[in-house]
Amino acid sequence: MVSNAIHIDKIDDIKQEKNMVPTHYIWLGAAIVSEVAGSAFLARSEQFSRLVPTALVVVFYGFAFYGLGQALKGLPLAVAYAIWGGLGIVLTALLGVLAFKQRLDFPAIIGIVLIVTGVIVMNLFSKTASH
């Protein structure tokens, strides 16, 4: 009976792997979004002088690192951190432009494009990224 349960669990795992985005990518995505939200509240906290934005910084950053830790169960550190850093930079820059009316000059845009290109190259061509 135990061997049948193990066999069924393995079949369920295989079906889940074929039909869904791997859980570690979901955790990584949630961690990235949480980190960007934490950064937004960091800007609103006025150097930690406002209670509610400061508390939200702690909550969002705490969840971001928890989510990153969960993602590391299925992703190599270098790959997870490259994706985290690359997407975090892009989303934070977009947030700065859209929500805080900040401007990016041409060198900043080129730098962001180079970072994103590096993450793409790492994920498509590096053996480190084979997960």
Protein backbone atom coordinates (compact mmCIF):
# COMPACT_ATOMS: atom_id res chain seq x y z
CA MET A 1 0.00 0.00 0.00
CA VAL A 2 2.82 2.41 0.79
CA SER A 3 4.55 1.70 -2.52
CA ASN A 4 1.31 2.48 -4.39
CA ALA A 5 1.03 5.83 -2.57
CA ILE A 6 4.61 6.70 -3.48
CA HIS A 7 3.98 5.70 -7.10
CA ILE A 8 0.82 7.85 -7.28
CA ASP A 9 2.68 10.78 -5.72
CA LYS A 10 5.40 10.48 -8.37
CA ILE A 11 2.80 10.42 -11.15
CA ASP A 12 1.12 13.51 -9.65
CA ASP A 13 4.51 15.26 -9.49
CA ILE A 14 5.23 14.45 -13.15
CA LYS A 15 1.78 15.71 -14.24
CA GLN A 16 2.25 18.87 -12.22
CA GLU A 17 5.71 19.50 -13.72
CA LYS A 18 4.37 19.21 -17.28
CA ASN A 19 1.32 21.41 -16.80
CA MET A 20 2.53 24.19 -14.54
CA VAL A 21 5.23 26.78 -14.12
CA PRO A 22 7.71 25.30 -11.65
CA THR A 23 7.01 26.45 -8.10
CA HIS A 24 10.50 27.92 -7.67
CA TYR A 25 9.81 30.41 -10.47
CA ILE A 26 6.52 31.40 -8.85
CA TRP A 27 8.35 32.02 -5.57
CA LEU A 28 11.03 33.99 -7.38
CA GLY A 29 8.45 36.13 -9.16
CA ALA A 30 6.63 36.82 -5.90
CA ALA A 31 9.95 37.69 -4.24
CA ILE A 32 10.85 40.12 -7.01
CA VAL A 33 7.46 41.86 -6.91
CA SER A 34 7.69 42.06 -3.12
CA GLU A 35 11.19 43.53 -3.27
CA VAL A 36 10.05 46.19 -5.76
CA ALA A 37 7.06 47.03 -3.54
CA GLY A 38 9.41 47.28 -0.56
CA SER A 39 11.61 49.67 -2.53
CA ALA A 40 8.59 51.82 -3.36
CA PHE A 41 7.67 52.08 0.30
CA LEU A 42 11.30 52.75 1.15
CA ALA A 43 11.08 55.86 -1.03
CA ARG A 44 7.84 56.83 0.73
CA SER A 45 9.18 56.19 4.25
CA GLU A 46 11.18 59.44 4.21
CA GLN A 47 14.31 57.86 5.73
CA PHE A 48 12.20 55.66 8.05
CA SER A 49 10.48 58.65 9.65
CA ARG A 50 6.95 57.56 8.62
CA LEU A 51 5.60 54.55 10.51
CA VAL A 52 3.28 52.87 7.98
CA PRO A 53 5.62 52.99 4.95
CA THR A 54 8.51 51.86 7.19
CA ALA A 55 6.48 48.90 8.46
CA LEU A 56 5.56 47.98 4.88
CA VAL A 57 9.25 48.10 3.89
CA VAL A 58 9.99 45.51 6.58
CA VAL A 59 7.03 43.31 5.57
CA PHE A 60 7.72 43.40 1.84
CA TYR A 61 11.50 42.94 2.17
CA GLY A 62 10.95 40.14 4.68
CA PHE A 63 8.64 38.34 2.29
CA ALA A 64 11.03 39.01 -0.62
CA PHE A 65 13.87 37.21 1.13
CA TYR A 66 11.59 34.39 2.26
CA GLY A 67 10.42 33.95 -1.34
CA LEU A 68 13.99 34.02 -2.61
CA GLY A 69 14.86 31.32 -0.09
CA GLN A 70 11.98 29.18 -1.34
CA ALA A 71 13.07 29.73 -4.96
CA LEU A 72 16.58 28.54 -4.08
CA LYS A 73 15.13 25.09 -3.35
CA GLY A 74 14.86 24.61 -7.11
CA LEU A 75 17.21 27.16 -8.69
CA PRO A 76 20.96 27.65 -8.47
CA LEU A 77 21.91 30.75 -6.47
CA ALA A 78 23.66 32.43 -9.41
CA VAL A 79 20.65 32.02 -11.69
CA ALA A 80 18.07 33.05 -9.09
CA TYR A 81 20.07 36.11 -8.08
CA ALA A 82 20.68 37.13 -11.70
CA ILE A 83 16.96 36.97 -12.45
CA TRP A 84 16.15 38.71 -9.15
CA GLY A 85 18.64 41.48 -9.81
CA GLY A 86 17.82 41.96 -13.48
CA LEU A 87 14.05 42.02 -13.17
CA GLY A 88 14.25 43.95 -9.91
CA ILE A 89 16.28 46.70 -11.59
CA VAL A 90 13.94 46.90 -14.57
CA LEU A 91 10.76 46.94 -12.47
CA THR A 92 12.18 49.42 -9.97
CA ALA A 93 13.29 51.70 -12.81
CA LEU A 94 9.82 51.49 -14.37
CA LEU A 95 8.26 52.21 -10.99
CA GLY A 96 10.52 55.24 -10.61
CA VAL A 97 9.50 56.57 -14.01
CA LEU A 98 5.77 55.86 -13.71
CA ALA A 99 5.03 56.41 -10.02
CA PHE A 100 7.71 58.86 -8.94
CA LYS A 101 8.07 60.79 -12.22
CA GLN A 102 11.82 60.15 -12.35
CA ARG A 103 13.66 60.33 -15.67
CA LEU A 104 16.18 57.88 -17.07
CA ASP A 105 18.87 59.25 -19.34
CA PHE A 106 20.29 57.33 -22.29
CA PRO A 107 23.27 55.79 -20.39
CA ALA A 108 20.88 54.52 -17.69
CA ILE A 109 18.66 52.89 -20.30
CA ILE A 110 21.67 51.29 -22.03
CA GLY A 111 22.88 49.98 -18.67
CA ILE A 112 19.51 48.42 -17.91
CA VAL A 113 19.38 46.84 -21.39
CA LEU A 114 22.85 45.35 -20.83
CA ILE A 115 21.79 43.88 -17.48
CA VAL A 116 18.66 42.32 -19.00
CA THR A 117 20.72 40.99 -21.91
CA GLY A 118 23.12 39.37 -19.45
CA VAL A 119 20.28 37.65 -17.61
CA ILE A 120 18.84 36.38 -20.90
CA VAL A 121 22.23 35.08 -22.08
CA MET A 122 22.78 33.35 -18.75
CA ASN A 123 19.39 31.64 -18.84
CA LEU A 124 19.54 30.60 -22.49
CA PHE A 125 23.16 29.57 -22.95
CA SER A 126 24.86 28.92 -19.61
CA LYS A 127 25.15 25.41 -18.26
CA THR A 128 24.83 27.00 -14.82
CA ALA A 129 21.24 27.83 -15.68
CA SER A 130 20.27 24.24 -16.45
CA HIS A 131 17.83 23.52 -13.69
